[in-house]
Structure formats: structure tokens, C-alpha cells
Amino acid sequence: MLVYKIVGMPAWRAAEAAGVYLGSADDARDGFIHLSTADQVAETLARHFAGDADLALVAFDEAALDGTLRYEPSRGGALFPHLYGMLDPALALWVRPIPLKADGSHALPDLK
């Protein structure tokens, strides 16, 4: 199964150059890297990234994240994937831009 990270494109490019993604300020505050399943990406974008430009959606195979990935309750009790530890950008299956539409909402890329 795939899991996804929504991240600013400049932060992701810096992570690729450094060979490690340590997470956002929210990730650091919470002690894990927030990820989403395919069913959670759209709501996560709308709730936490409304109006943000220059975002990327990065896909990972959850099996490649070893034992550091846990599904834990979050919004409304839904289980969200949380990564405990650093994220290796080399594990990304793909990186796709998330453009803003004219109305300020995001145009979600194909998740496959």
C-alpha cells in the first residue's frame, strides 16, 4: 500500500540534496512525520495546507518504511500513518507537484 507526504517543494528538494527528510515544524512538534493514505490526502490538504502554493505529494511504499511506520488514531479516530524517525528521500516512488486552482483549492495529482 502507498502512503503519502505533503511537503513544500523547496523543503523536499533540500531533503533530496541532504539525503534525509527530518520533517516539518509540525512533525518535529508531534515527534513523528505525518503521512496520509490515499483516502486521507484530499482532506489533509484542505485542512492543513489551504491556499499553500509550491507543494509536492511524495509517495512511498509503506513496506519500505520498515518498523518505524505506525497507524495511530487522529482526526475523528481515523488511523493515520505516522513515521517515527527520519525519512530517506531515496525511498520515494514518485514526487508530483500539487498546483493551486484558480479558486485557491489544490488540484490533487493522480495517486497511482
N, C-alpha and C. Protein backbone atom coordinates (compact mmCIF):
# COMPACT_ATOMS: atom_id res chain seq x y z
N MET A 1 0.84 -1.18 0.00
CA MET A 1 0.00 0.00 0.00
C MET A 1 0.89 1.24 0.00
N LEU A 2 0.43 2.29 -0.65
CA LEU A 2 1.17 3.55 -0.68
C LEU A 2 0.73 4.46 0.45
N VAL A 3 1.68 5.23 0.96
CA VAL A 3 1.41 6.32 1.89
C VAL A 3 2.05 7.56 1.30
N TYR A 4 1.57 8.73 1.72
CA TYR A 4 1.95 9.98 1.07
C TYR A 4 2.36 11.03 2.08
N LYS A 5 3.33 11.85 1.67
CA LYS A 5 3.74 13.02 2.44
C LYS A 5 3.45 14.25 1.61
N ILE A 6 2.78 15.21 2.22
CA ILE A 6 2.56 16.51 1.60
C ILE A 6 3.63 17.43 2.17
N VAL A 7 4.38 18.05 1.29
CA VAL A 7 5.54 18.84 1.74
C VAL A 7 5.77 19.98 0.77
N GLY A 8 6.31 21.08 1.26
CA GLY A 8 6.71 22.16 0.37
C GLY A 8 7.79 21.68 -0.58
N MET A 9 7.67 22.02 -1.84
CA MET A 9 8.65 21.56 -2.83
C MET A 9 10.08 21.99 -2.46
N PRO A 10 10.30 23.23 -2.00
CA PRO A 10 11.68 23.59 -1.62
C PRO A 10 12.22 22.71 -0.49
N ALA A 11 11.40 22.39 0.48
CA ALA A 11 11.84 21.52 1.59
C ALA A 11 12.17 20.12 1.09
N TRP A 12 11.36 19.64 0.13
CA TRP A 12 11.63 18.30 -0.39
C TRP A 12 12.92 18.28 -1.21
N ARG A 13 13.13 19.30 -2.02
CA ARG A 13 14.36 19.36 -2.82
C ARG A 13 15.58 19.45 -1.90
N ALA A 14 15.47 20.19 -0.80
CA ALA A 14 16.57 20.27 0.17
C ALA A 14 16.80 18.90 0.81
N ALA A 15 15.73 18.18 1.10
CA ALA A 15 15.85 16.84 1.68
C ALA A 15 16.54 15.89 0.70
N GLU A 16 16.18 15.99 -0.58
CA GLU A 16 16.83 15.15 -1.58
C GLU A 16 18.33 15.44 -1.64
N ALA A 17 18.69 16.71 -1.58
CA ALA A 17 20.10 17.09 -1.63
C ALA A 17 20.85 16.61 -0.39
N ALA A 18 20.18 16.65 0.78
CA ALA A 18 20.80 16.25 2.04
C ALA A 18 20.77 14.73 2.24
N GLY A 19 19.87 14.06 1.54
CA GLY A 19 19.74 12.61 1.71
C GLY A 19 18.89 12.20 2.88
N VAL A 20 18.17 13.18 3.48
CA VAL A 20 17.30 12.86 4.62
C VAL A 20 16.23 13.94 4.75
N TYR A 21 15.02 13.52 5.10
CA TYR A 21 13.93 14.45 5.42
C TYR A 21 13.61 14.26 6.90
N LEU A 22 13.78 15.32 7.67
CA LEU A 22 13.57 15.27 9.11
C LEU A 22 12.15 15.65 9.51
N GLY A 23 11.38 16.20 8.56
CA GLY A 23 10.01 16.57 8.83
C GLY A 23 9.80 18.06 8.91
N SER A 24 8.54 18.43 8.97
CA SER A 24 8.14 19.83 9.09
C SER A 24 8.18 20.27 10.55
N ALA A 25 7.89 21.53 10.80
CA ALA A 25 7.80 22.02 12.18
C ALA A 25 6.71 21.26 12.94
N ASP A 26 5.59 20.98 12.27
CA ASP A 26 4.51 20.21 12.91
C ASP A 26 4.98 18.79 13.23
N ASP A 27 5.73 18.20 12.31
CA ASP A 27 6.26 16.85 12.55
C ASP A 27 7.18 16.86 13.78
N ALA A 28 8.08 17.84 13.84
CA ALA A 28 9.01 17.93 14.96
C ALA A 28 8.26 18.12 16.28
N ARG A 29 7.25 18.96 16.26
CA ARG A 29 6.44 19.21 17.46
C ARG A 29 5.78 17.93 17.95
N ASP A 30 5.27 17.13 17.01
CA ASP A 30 4.50 15.93 17.38
C ASP A 30 5.37 14.68 17.58
N GLY A 31 6.62 14.74 17.15
CA GLY A 31 7.53 13.63 17.39
C GLY A 31 7.48 12.52 16.35
N PHE A 32 6.85 12.79 15.22
CA PHE A 32 6.79 11.83 14.12
C PHE A 32 6.48 12.57 12.84
N ILE A 33 6.72 11.93 11.71
CA ILE A 33 6.41 12.52 10.41
C ILE A 33 5.00 12.10 10.02
N HIS A 34 4.16 13.11 9.81
CA HIS A 34 2.77 12.88 9.43
C HIS A 34 2.69 12.41 7.98
N LEU A 35 2.03 11.31 7.74
CA LEU A 35 1.77 10.80 6.40
C LEU A 35 0.27 10.62 6.26
N SER A 36 -0.19 10.35 5.06
CA SER A 36 -1.60 10.11 4.78
C SER A 36 -1.76 8.91 3.87
N THR A 37 -2.92 8.26 3.97
CA THR A 37 -3.29 7.25 2.99
C THR A 37 -3.93 7.97 1.81
N ALA A 38 -4.20 7.24 0.75
CA ALA A 38 -4.85 7.83 -0.43
C ALA A 38 -6.19 8.46 -0.07
N ASP A 39 -6.92 7.83 0.81
CA ASP A 39 -8.24 8.34 1.21
C ASP A 39 -8.15 9.59 2.08
N GLN A 40 -6.99 9.87 2.64
CA GLN A 40 -6.82 10.99 3.56
C GLN A 40 -6.15 12.22 2.95
N VAL A 41 -5.55 12.07 1.79
CA VAL A 41 -4.75 13.16 1.21
C VAL A 41 -5.58 14.41 0.96
N ALA A 42 -6.73 14.29 0.33
CA ALA A 42 -7.53 15.47 -0.03
C ALA A 42 -7.94 16.26 1.22
N GLU A 43 -8.41 15.57 2.24
CA GLU A 43 -8.83 16.27 3.46
C GLU A 43 -7.64 16.90 4.18
N THR A 44 -6.51 16.20 4.19
CA THR A 44 -5.31 16.75 4.81
C THR A 44 -4.88 18.03 4.10
N LEU A 45 -4.92 18.02 2.78
CA LEU A 45 -4.59 19.22 2.01
C LEU A 45 -5.52 20.37 2.38
N ALA A 46 -6.82 20.11 2.37
CA ALA A 46 -7.80 21.16 2.64
C ALA A 46 -7.69 21.68 4.08
N ARG A 47 -7.43 20.80 5.00
CA ARG A 47 -7.42 21.17 6.42
C ARG A 47 -6.13 21.85 6.85
N HIS A 48 -5.00 21.38 6.36
CA HIS A 48 -3.71 21.85 6.88
C HIS A 48 -2.88 22.66 5.88
N PHE A 49 -3.27 22.66 4.60
CA PHE A 49 -2.45 23.33 3.59
C PHE A 49 -3.27 24.27 2.70
N ALA A 50 -4.43 24.68 3.17
CA ALA A 50 -5.33 25.53 2.37
C ALA A 50 -4.58 26.77 1.87
N GLY A 51 -4.61 26.97 0.56
CA GLY A 51 -4.00 28.13 -0.05
C GLY A 51 -2.50 28.08 -0.20
N ASP A 52 -1.85 27.05 0.33
CA ASP A 52 -0.39 26.95 0.22
C ASP A 52 0.01 26.60 -1.21
N ALA A 53 0.98 27.31 -1.73
CA ALA A 53 1.48 27.06 -3.08
C ALA A 53 2.80 26.29 -3.00
N ASP A 54 3.23 25.78 -4.12
CA ASP A 54 4.52 25.10 -4.27
C ASP A 54 4.64 23.88 -3.37
N LEU A 55 3.57 23.09 -3.33
CA LEU A 55 3.57 21.85 -2.56
C LEU A 55 3.88 20.66 -3.46
N ALA A 56 4.34 19.59 -2.84
CA ALA A 56 4.58 18.33 -3.54
C ALA A 56 3.87 17.22 -2.79
N LEU A 57 3.46 16.22 -3.53
CA LEU A 57 2.94 14.99 -2.96
C LEU A 57 3.97 13.90 -3.26
N VAL A 58 4.45 13.27 -2.21
CA VAL A 58 5.51 12.27 -2.34
C VAL A 58 4.95 10.93 -1.90
N ALA A 59 5.10 9.91 -2.75
CA ALA A 59 4.55 8.58 -2.48
C ALA A 59 5.64 7.61 -2.02
N PHE A 60 5.26 6.77 -1.06
CA PHE A 60 6.15 5.75 -0.52
C PHE A 60 5.40 4.43 -0.41
N ASP A 61 6.11 3.35 -0.60
CA ASP A 61 5.57 2.03 -0.31
C ASP A 61 5.71 1.84 1.19
N GLU A 62 4.60 1.60 1.87
CA GLU A 62 4.68 1.50 3.33
C GLU A 62 5.62 0.38 3.78
N ALA A 63 5.75 -0.67 2.99
CA ALA A 63 6.63 -1.79 3.35
C ALA A 63 8.09 -1.35 3.40
N ALA A 64 8.46 -0.33 2.63
CA ALA A 64 9.84 0.15 2.60
C ALA A 64 10.20 0.96 3.84
N LEU A 65 9.18 1.35 4.60
CA LEU A 65 9.43 2.18 5.78
C LEU A 65 9.68 1.35 7.03
N ASP A 66 9.87 0.06 6.85
CA ASP A 66 10.23 -0.86 7.92
C ASP A 66 9.28 -0.77 9.11
N GLY A 67 9.82 -0.94 10.30
CA GLY A 67 9.01 -0.96 11.50
C GLY A 67 8.80 0.39 12.12
N THR A 68 9.22 1.46 11.43
CA THR A 68 9.09 2.80 12.00
C THR A 68 7.76 3.45 11.66
N LEU A 69 6.91 2.77 10.89
CA LEU A 69 5.61 3.29 10.50
C LEU A 69 4.54 2.67 11.39
N ARG A 70 3.73 3.55 12.00
CA ARG A 70 2.63 3.08 12.84
C ARG A 70 1.35 3.79 12.42
N TYR A 71 0.26 3.06 12.45
CA TYR A 71 -1.05 3.65 12.21
C TYR A 71 -1.66 3.97 13.56
N GLU A 72 -1.95 5.27 13.76
CA GLU A 72 -2.45 5.72 15.05
C GLU A 72 -3.68 6.60 14.86
N PRO A 73 -4.59 6.60 15.84
CA PRO A 73 -5.81 7.40 15.72
C PRO A 73 -5.50 8.89 15.68
N SER A 74 -6.24 9.58 14.84
CA SER A 74 -6.13 11.03 14.73
C SER A 74 -7.52 11.59 14.51
N ARG A 75 -7.70 12.44 13.49
CA ARG A 75 -9.00 13.08 13.22
C ARG A 75 -10.15 12.09 13.31
N GLY A 76 -11.06 12.34 14.21
CA GLY A 76 -12.26 11.53 14.30
C GLY A 76 -11.99 10.05 14.55
N GLY A 77 -10.82 9.74 15.07
CA GLY A 77 -10.49 8.34 15.35
C GLY A 77 -9.93 7.59 14.16
N ALA A 78 -9.83 8.24 13.00
CA ALA A 78 -9.26 7.58 11.81
C ALA A 78 -7.79 7.25 12.06
N LEU A 79 -7.36 6.13 11.53
CA LEU A 79 -5.96 5.72 11.69
C LEU A 79 -5.11 6.36 10.60
N PHE A 80 -4.12 7.13 11.04
CA PHE A 80 -3.20 7.80 10.12
C PHE A 80 -1.82 7.19 10.24
N PRO A 81 -1.09 7.10 9.12
CA PRO A 81 0.28 6.60 9.18
C PRO A 81 1.22 7.67 9.75
N HIS A 82 1.97 7.28 10.75
CA HIS A 82 2.96 8.16 11.38
C HIS A 82 4.31 7.47 11.31
N LEU A 83 5.31 8.18 10.84
CA LEU A 83 6.65 7.64 10.71
C LEU A 83 7.51 8.15 11.87
N TYR A 84 8.02 7.24 12.65
CA TYR A 84 8.91 7.58 13.76
C TYR A 84 10.35 7.41 13.28
N GLY A 85 11.01 8.53 13.09
CA GLY A 85 12.37 8.51 12.59
C GLY A 85 12.50 9.38 11.36
N MET A 86 13.66 9.35 10.76
CA MET A 86 13.94 10.14 9.57
C MET A 86 13.40 9.42 8.33
N LEU A 87 13.16 10.20 7.30
CA LEU A 87 12.65 9.67 6.05
C LEU A 87 13.74 9.80 4.98
N ASP A 88 14.07 8.70 4.34
CA ASP A 88 15.07 8.69 3.28
C ASP A 88 14.41 9.07 1.96
N PRO A 89 14.74 10.21 1.38
CA PRO A 89 14.14 10.62 0.12
C PRO A 89 14.33 9.61 -1.01
N ALA A 90 15.37 8.80 -0.93
CA ALA A 90 15.62 7.79 -1.97
C ALA A 90 14.53 6.72 -1.99
N LEU A 91 13.73 6.63 -0.93
CA LEU A 91 12.63 5.66 -0.88
C LEU A 91 11.38 6.14 -1.62
N ALA A 92 11.37 7.41 -2.02
CA ALA A 92 10.21 7.95 -2.72
C ALA A 92 9.99 7.23 -4.04
N LEU A 93 8.76 6.81 -4.27
CA LEU A 93 8.42 6.19 -5.55
C LEU A 93 8.22 7.24 -6.63
N TRP A 94 7.65 8.35 -6.22
CA TRP A 94 7.49 9.50 -7.12
C TRP A 94 7.21 10.76 -6.32
N VAL A 95 7.45 11.90 -6.98
CA VAL A 95 7.18 13.22 -6.41
C VAL A 95 6.37 13.98 -7.46
N ARG A 96 5.20 14.47 -7.07
CA ARG A 96 4.35 15.20 -8.02
C ARG A 96 3.95 16.55 -7.43
N PRO A 97 3.95 17.59 -8.24
CA PRO A 97 3.51 18.90 -7.75
C PRO A 97 2.00 18.88 -7.46
N ILE A 98 1.61 19.72 -6.51
CA ILE A 98 0.19 19.90 -6.17
C ILE A 98 -0.14 21.36 -6.50
N PRO A 99 -0.61 21.62 -7.71
CA PRO A 99 -0.88 23.01 -8.10
C PRO A 99 -2.14 23.56 -7.43
N LEU A 100 -2.17 24.88 -7.31
CA LEU A 100 -3.36 25.56 -6.83
C LEU A 100 -4.27 25.87 -8.02
N LYS A 101 -5.56 25.66 -7.83
CA LYS A 101 -6.54 26.03 -8.84
C LYS A 101 -6.90 27.51 -8.65
N ALA A 102 -7.62 28.06 -9.60
CA ALA A 102 -7.99 29.47 -9.57
C ALA A 102 -8.77 29.83 -8.30
N ASP A 103 -9.54 28.88 -7.77
CA ASP A 103 -10.33 29.15 -6.57
C ASP A 103 -9.54 28.99 -5.28
N GLY A 104 -8.23 28.68 -5.38
CA GLY A 104 -7.39 28.54 -4.21
C GLY A 104 -7.32 27.15 -3.64
N SER A 105 -8.13 26.23 -4.17
CA SER A 105 -8.06 24.84 -3.73
C SER A 105 -6.94 24.14 -4.51
N HIS A 106 -6.59 22.96 -4.06
CA HIS A 106 -5.50 22.23 -4.70
C HIS A 106 -6.03 21.25 -5.75
N ALA A 107 -5.27 21.11 -6.83
CA ALA A 107 -5.55 20.13 -7.86
C ALA A 107 -4.77 18.87 -7.49
N LEU A 108 -5.45 17.90 -6.97
CA LEU A 108 -4.79 16.68 -6.49
C LEU A 108 -4.25 15.86 -7.68
N PRO A 109 -2.97 15.51 -7.64
CA PRO A 109 -2.42 14.67 -8.72
C PRO A 109 -2.93 13.24 -8.61
N ASP A 110 -2.71 12.49 -9.66
CA ASP A 110 -3.06 11.07 -9.66
C ASP A 110 -2.26 10.39 -8.55
N LEU A 111 -2.93 9.57 -7.76
CA LEU A 111 -2.29 8.93 -6.61
C LEU A 111 -1.69 7.56 -6.93
N LYS A 112 -1.72 7.16 -8.18
CA LYS A 112 -1.18 5.84 -8.55
C LYS A 112 0.19 5.97 -9.15
